[in-house]
Amino acid sequence: MSCNKDSLVRPIALMHEWKRHSEMIEKLRSIEISSRMLMGALFREKLVNPADYIYSALQTRIELM
């Protein structure tokens, strides 16, 4: 496997780059968590209402007012 200069990952040198990459990682993490909850809800949809499953996964309780 050959490595050219363009394929190497550069170090993060500036604070604004660090912040941008950190925000991108946090967004990807949120997407992953959301997709796992949705997949769980779909997998159990015959046993539990998908909305109830997601609220339970978020440890949230909804009450009528």
PDB file of N, CA and C in Angstrom:
ATOM      1  N   MET A   1       0.852  -1.178   0.000  1.00  0.00           N
ATOM      2  CA  MET A   1       0.000   0.000   0.000  1.00  0.00           C
ATOM      3  C   MET A   1       0.890   1.232   0.000  1.00  0.00           C
ATOM      4  N   SER A   2       0.685   2.090  -0.960  1.00  0.00           N
ATOM      5  CA  SER A   2       1.501   3.302  -1.028  1.00  0.00           C
ATOM      6  C   SER A   2       0.774   4.459  -0.360  1.00  0.00           C
ATOM      7  N   CYS A   3       1.555   5.340   0.225  1.00  0.00           N
ATOM      8  CA  CYS A   3       1.012   6.512   0.911  1.00  0.00           C
ATOM      9  C   CYS A   3       1.543   7.753   0.214  1.00  0.00           C
ATOM     10  N   ASN A   4       0.633   8.556  -0.297  1.00  0.00           N
ATOM     11  CA  ASN A   4       1.101   9.814  -0.856  1.00  0.00           C
ATOM     12  C   ASN A   4       0.843  10.932   0.143  1.00  0.00           C
ATOM     13  N   LYS A   5       1.442  12.058  -0.100  1.00  0.00           N
ATOM     14  CA  LYS A   5       1.378  13.188   0.834  1.00  0.00           C
ATOM     15  C   LYS A   5      -0.061  13.676   1.034  1.00  0.00           C
ATOM     16  N   ASP A   6      -0.904  13.606   0.000  1.00  0.00           N
ATOM     17  CA  ASP A   6      -2.281  14.102   0.094  1.00  0.00           C
ATOM     18  C   ASP A   6      -3.180  13.203   0.955  1.00  0.00           C
ATOM     19  N   SER A   7      -2.810  11.936   1.121  1.00  0.00           N
ATOM     20  CA  SER A   7      -3.665  11.029   1.875  1.00  0.00           C
ATOM     21  C   SER A   7      -3.367  11.028   3.381  1.00  0.00           C
ATOM     22  N   LEU A   8      -2.321  11.704   3.798  1.00  0.00           N
ATOM     23  CA  LEU A   8      -1.980  11.751   5.212  1.00  0.00           C
ATOM     24  C   LEU A   8      -2.893  12.727   5.949  1.00  0.00           C
ATOM     25  N   VAL A   9      -3.183  12.418   7.184  1.00  0.00           N
ATOM     26  CA  VAL A   9      -4.011  13.285   8.016  1.00  0.00           C
ATOM     27  C   VAL A   9      -3.105  14.324   8.660  1.00  0.00           C
ATOM     28  N   ARG A  10      -3.468  15.599   8.465  1.00  0.00           N
ATOM     29  CA  ARG A  10      -2.661  16.661   9.065  1.00  0.00           C
ATOM     30  C   ARG A  10      -3.063  16.862  10.523  1.00  0.00           C
ATOM     31  N   PRO A  11      -2.136  17.267  11.333  1.00  0.00           N
ATOM     32  CA  PRO A  11      -2.491  17.572  12.725  1.00  0.00           C
ATOM     33  C   PRO A  11      -3.367  18.827  12.787  1.00  0.00           C
ATOM     34  N   ILE A  12      -4.198  18.892  13.805  1.00  0.00           N
ATOM     35  CA  ILE A  12      -5.044  20.072  14.008  1.00  0.00           C
ATOM     36  C   ILE A  12      -4.201  21.105  14.745  1.00  0.00           C
ATOM     37  N   ALA A  13      -3.940  22.208  14.088  1.00  0.00           N
ATOM     38  CA  ALA A  13      -3.030  23.202  14.646  1.00  0.00           C
ATOM     39  C   ALA A  13      -3.742  24.427  15.209  1.00  0.00           C
ATOM     40  N   LEU A  14      -4.914  24.742  14.692  1.00  0.00           N
ATOM     41  CA  LEU A  14      -5.596  25.960  15.107  1.00  0.00           C
ATOM     42  C   LEU A  14      -6.838  25.630  15.932  1.00  0.00           C
ATOM     43  N   MET A  15      -7.140  26.498  16.876  1.00  0.00           N
ATOM     44  CA  MET A  15      -8.269  26.267  17.772  1.00  0.00           C
ATOM     45  C   MET A  15      -9.594  26.202  17.015  1.00  0.00           C
ATOM     46  N   HIS A  16      -9.792  27.034  15.982  1.00  0.00           N
ATOM     47  CA  HIS A  16     -11.062  26.991  15.250  1.00  0.00           C
ATOM     48  C   HIS A  16     -11.214  25.672  14.491  1.00  0.00           C
ATOM     49  N   GLU A  17     -10.095  25.082  14.046  1.00  0.00           N
ATOM     50  CA  GLU A  17     -10.161  23.764  13.408  1.00  0.00           C
ATOM     51  C   GLU A  17     -10.559  22.714  14.437  1.00  0.00           C
ATOM     52  N   TRP A  18      -9.987  22.805  15.628  1.00  0.00           N
ATOM     53  CA  TRP A  18     -10.308  21.881  16.703  1.00  0.00           C
ATOM     54  C   TRP A  18     -11.793  21.945  17.047  1.00  0.00           C
ATOM     55  N   LYS A  19     -12.302  23.169  17.158  1.00  0.00           N
ATOM     56  CA  LYS A  19     -13.711  23.351  17.494  1.00  0.00           C
ATOM     57  C   LYS A  19     -14.602  22.769  16.396  1.00  0.00           C
ATOM     58  N   ARG A  20     -14.255  23.026  15.154  1.00  0.00           N
ATOM     59  CA  ARG A  20     -15.047  22.525  14.028  1.00  0.00           C
ATOM     60  C   ARG A  20     -15.069  20.997  14.011  1.00  0.00           C
ATOM     61  N   HIS A  21     -13.918  20.388  14.222  1.00  0.00           N
ATOM     62  CA  HIS A  21     -13.848  18.921  14.235  1.00  0.00           C
ATOM     63  C   HIS A  21     -14.598  18.348  15.442  1.00  0.00           C
ATOM     64  N   SER A  22     -14.494  18.999  16.580  1.00  0.00           N
ATOM     65  CA  SER A  22     -15.212  18.542  17.770  1.00  0.00           C
ATOM     66  C   SER A  22     -16.721  18.598  17.551  1.00  0.00           C
ATOM     67  N   GLU A  23     -17.207  19.673  16.944  1.00  0.00           N
ATOM     68  CA  GLU A  23     -18.638  19.803  16.652  1.00  0.00           C
ATOM     69  C   GLU A  23     -19.088  18.728  15.667  1.00  0.00           C
ATOM     70  N   MET A  24     -18.256  18.446  14.672  1.00  0.00           N
ATOM     71  CA  MET A  24     -18.599  17.426  13.688  1.00  0.00           C
ATOM     72  C   MET A  24     -18.682  16.046  14.357  1.00  0.00           C
ATOM     73  N   ILE A  25     -17.759  15.740  15.248  1.00  0.00           N
ATOM     74  CA  ILE A  25     -17.782  14.461  15.958  1.00  0.00           C
ATOM     75  C   ILE A  25     -19.023  14.359  16.833  1.00  0.00           C
ATOM     76  N   GLU A  26     -19.388  15.441  17.511  1.00  0.00           N
ATOM     77  CA  GLU A  26     -20.581  15.441  18.362  1.00  0.00           C
ATOM     78  C   GLU A  26     -21.848  15.226  17.532  1.00  0.00           C
ATOM     79  N   LYS A  27     -21.918  15.843  16.351  1.00  0.00           N
ATOM     80  CA  LYS A  27     -23.073  15.646  15.475  1.00  0.00           C
ATOM     81  C   LYS A  27     -23.159  14.196  14.995  1.00  0.00           C
ATOM     82  N   LEU A  28     -22.023  13.624  14.634  1.00  0.00           N
ATOM     83  CA  LEU A  28     -21.999  12.225  14.203  1.00  0.00           C
ATOM     84  C   LEU A  28     -22.419  11.297  15.336  1.00  0.00           C
ATOM     85  N   ARG A  29     -22.003  11.617  16.542  1.00  0.00           N
ATOM     86  CA  ARG A  29     -22.391  10.824  17.712  1.00  0.00           C
ATOM     87  C   ARG A  29     -23.908  10.897  17.926  1.00  0.00           C
ATOM     88  N   SER A  30     -24.478  12.076  17.780  1.00  0.00           N
ATOM     89  CA  SER A  30     -25.930  12.237  17.929  1.00  0.00           C
ATOM     90  C   SER A  30     -26.682  11.454  16.867  1.00  0.00           C
ATOM     91  N   ILE A  31     -26.180  11.482  15.655  1.00  0.00           N
ATOM     92  CA  ILE A  31     -26.809  10.726  14.565  1.00  0.00           C
ATOM     93  C   ILE A  31     -26.752   9.232  14.858  1.00  0.00           C
ATOM     94  N   GLU A  32     -25.621   8.758  15.364  1.00  0.00           N
ATOM     95  CA  GLU A  32     -25.490   7.335  15.685  1.00  0.00           C
ATOM     96  C   GLU A  32     -26.479   6.928  16.775  1.00  0.00           C
ATOM     97  N   ILE A  33     -26.577   7.709  17.824  1.00  0.00           N
ATOM     98  CA  ILE A  33     -27.496   7.397  18.920  1.00  0.00           C
ATOM     99  C   ILE A  33     -28.933   7.394  18.411  1.00  0.00           C
ATOM    100  N   SER A  34     -29.284   8.400  17.618  1.00  0.00           N
ATOM    101  CA  SER A  34     -30.642   8.481  17.068  1.00  0.00           C
ATOM    102  C   SER A  34     -30.965   7.281  16.190  1.00  0.00           C
ATOM    103  N   SER A  35     -30.033   6.901  15.354  1.00  0.00           N
ATOM    104  CA  SER A  35     -30.290   5.772  14.455  1.00  0.00           C
ATOM    105  C   SER A  35     -30.425   4.470  15.242  1.00  0.00           C
ATOM    106  N   ARG A  36     -29.659   4.311  16.326  1.00  0.00           N
ATOM    107  CA  ARG A  36     -29.790   3.111  17.150  1.00  0.00           C
ATOM    108  C   ARG A  36     -31.157   3.057  17.830  1.00  0.00           C
ATOM    109  N   MET A  37     -31.628   4.211  18.315  1.00  0.00           N
ATOM    110  CA  MET A  37     -32.959   4.238  18.928  1.00  0.00           C
ATOM    111  C   MET A  37     -34.038   3.903  17.905  1.00  0.00           C
ATOM    112  N   LEU A  38     -33.933   4.459  16.708  1.00  0.00           N
ATOM    113  CA  LEU A  38     -34.924   4.177  15.669  1.00  0.00           C
ATOM    114  C   LEU A  38     -34.907   2.705  15.258  1.00  0.00           C
ATOM    115  N   MET A  39     -33.719   2.132  15.141  1.00  0.00           N
ATOM    116  CA  MET A  39     -33.629   0.713  14.785  1.00  0.00           C
ATOM    117  C   MET A  39     -34.234  -0.156  15.887  1.00  0.00           C
ATOM    118  N   GLY A  40     -33.988   0.192  17.141  1.00  0.00           N
ATOM    119  CA  GLY A  40     -34.586  -0.544  18.254  1.00  0.00           C
ATOM    120  C   GLY A  40     -36.099  -0.432  18.238  1.00  0.00           C
ATOM    121  N   ALA A  41     -36.591   0.771  17.952  1.00  0.00           N
ATOM    122  CA  ALA A  41     -38.040   0.990  17.890  1.00  0.00           C
ATOM    123  C   ALA A  41     -38.659   0.161  16.768  1.00  0.00           C
ATOM    124  N   LEU A  42     -38.007   0.118  15.633  1.00  0.00           N
ATOM    125  CA  LEU A  42     -38.524  -0.678  14.513  1.00  0.00           C
ATOM    126  C   LEU A  42     -38.483  -2.171  14.822  1.00  0.00           C
ATOM    127  N   PHE A  43     -37.418  -2.603  15.493  1.00  0.00           N
ATOM    128  CA  PHE A  43     -37.266  -4.022  15.825  1.00  0.00           C
ATOM    129  C   PHE A  43     -38.360  -4.482  16.778  1.00  0.00           C
ATOM    130  N   ARG A  44     -38.783  -3.606  17.682  1.00  0.00           N
ATOM    131  CA  ARG A  44     -39.771  -3.976  18.701  1.00  0.00           C
ATOM    132  C   ARG A  44     -41.158  -3.391  18.439  1.00  0.00           C
ATOM    133  N   GLU A  45     -41.418  -2.928  17.235  1.00  0.00           N
ATOM    134  CA  GLU A  45     -42.683  -2.236  16.973  1.00  0.00           C
ATOM    135  C   GLU A  45     -43.924  -3.097  17.180  1.00  0.00           C
ATOM    136  N   LYS A  46     -43.783  -4.421  17.122  1.00  0.00           N
ATOM    137  CA  LYS A  46     -44.945  -5.280  17.362  1.00  0.00           C
ATOM    138  C   LYS A  46     -45.230  -5.436  18.851  1.00  0.00           C
ATOM    139  N   LEU A  47     -44.235  -5.157  19.684  1.00  0.00           N
ATOM    140  CA  LEU A  47     -44.396  -5.291  21.134  1.00  0.00           C
ATOM    141  C   LEU A  47     -44.681  -3.953  21.815  1.00  0.00           C
ATOM    142  N   VAL A  48     -44.053  -2.897  21.306  1.00  0.00           N
ATOM    143  CA  VAL A  48     -44.134  -1.576  21.940  1.00  0.00           C
ATOM    144  C   VAL A  48     -44.324  -0.522  20.851  1.00  0.00           C
ATOM    145  N   ASN A  49     -45.157   0.451  21.131  1.00  0.00           N
ATOM    146  CA  ASN A  49     -45.320   1.573  20.214  1.00  0.00           C
ATOM    147  C   ASN A  49     -43.944   2.235  20.017  1.00  0.00           C
ATOM    148  N   PRO A  50     -43.532   2.496  18.761  1.00  0.00           N
ATOM    149  CA  PRO A  50     -42.211   3.085  18.523  1.00  0.00           C
ATOM    150  C   PRO A  50     -41.968   4.392  19.279  1.00  0.00           C
ATOM    151  N   ALA A  51     -42.985   5.241  19.381  1.00  0.00           N
ATOM    152  CA  ALA A  51     -42.810   6.501  20.120  1.00  0.00           C
ATOM    153  C   ALA A  51     -42.566   6.213  21.598  1.00  0.00           C
ATOM    154  N   ASP A  52     -43.301   5.252  22.164  1.00  0.00           N
ATOM    155  CA  ASP A  52     -43.092   4.877  23.567  1.00  0.00           C
ATOM    156  C   ASP A  52     -41.685   4.315  23.781  1.00  0.00           C
ATOM    157  N   TYR A  53     -41.221   3.513  22.831  1.00  0.00           N
ATOM    158  CA  TYR A  53     -39.878   2.945  22.925  1.00  0.00           C
ATOM    159  C   TYR A  53     -38.819   4.052  22.952  1.00  0.00           C
ATOM    160  N   ILE A  54     -38.972   5.026  22.066  1.00  0.00           N
ATOM    161  CA  ILE A  54     -37.987   6.107  21.989  1.00  0.00           C
ATOM    162  C   ILE A  54     -38.025   6.969  23.247  1.00  0.00           C
ATOM    163  N   TYR A  55     -39.224   7.309  23.732  1.00  0.00           N
ATOM    164  CA  TYR A  55     -39.313   8.085  24.975  1.00  0.00           C
ATOM    165  C   TYR A  55     -38.685   7.312  26.130  1.00  0.00           C
ATOM    166  N   SER A  56     -38.904   6.004  26.165  1.00  0.00           N
ATOM    167  CA  SER A  56     -38.310   5.181  27.208  1.00  0.00           C
ATOM    168  C   SER A  56     -36.781   5.174  27.091  1.00  0.00           C
ATOM    169  N   ALA A  57     -36.280   5.063  25.854  1.00  0.00           N
ATOM    170  CA  ALA A  57     -34.832   5.074  25.632  1.00  0.00           C
ATOM    171  C   ALA A  57     -34.214   6.403  26.070  1.00  0.00           C
ATOM    172  N   LEU A  58     -34.968   7.473  25.937  1.00  0.00           N
ATOM    173  CA  LEU A  58     -34.500   8.793  26.362  1.00  0.00           C
ATOM    174  C   LEU A  58     -34.756   9.044  27.847  1.00  0.00           C
ATOM    175  N   GLN A  59     -35.354   8.047  28.504  1.00  0.00           N
ATOM    176  CA  GLN A  59     -35.731   8.153  29.914  1.00  0.00           C
ATOM    177  C   GLN A  59     -36.620   9.376  30.146  1.00  0.00           C
ATOM    178  N   THR A  60     -37.627   9.491  29.264  1.00  0.00           N
ATOM    179  CA  THR A  60     -38.569  10.611  29.305  1.00  0.00           C
ATOM    180  C   THR A  60     -39.967  10.055  29.516  1.00  0.00           C
ATOM    181  N   ARG A  61     -40.744  10.746  30.307  1.00  0.00           N
ATOM    182  CA  ARG A  61     -42.130  10.346  30.549  1.00  0.00           C
ATOM    183  C   ARG A  61     -43.044  11.466  30.088  1.00  0.00           C
ATOM    184  N   ILE A  62     -44.102  11.108  29.381  1.00  0.00           N
ATOM    185  CA  ILE A  62     -45.046  12.101  28.903  1.00  0.00           C
ATOM    186  C   ILE A  62     -46.362  11.900  29.640  1.00  0.00           C
ATOM    187  N   GLU A  63     -46.914  12.984  30.104  1.00  0.00           N
ATOM    188  CA  GLU A  63     -48.195  12.939  30.817  1.00  0.00           C
ATOM    189  C   GLU A  63     -49.162  13.899  30.153  1.00  0.00           C
ATOM    190  N   LEU A  64     -50.419  13.510  30.144  1.00  0.00           N
ATOM    191  CA  LEU A  64     -51.464  14.392  29.634  1.00  0.00           C
ATOM    192  C   LEU A  64     -51.670  15.536  30.605  1.00  0.00           C
ATOM    193  N   MET A  65     -51.972  16.690  30.071  1.00  0.00           N
ATOM    194  CA  MET A  65     -52.229  17.847  30.945  1.00  0.00           C
ATOM    195  C   MET A  65     -53.705  18.075  31.093  1.00  0.00           C
TER     196      MET A  65
END
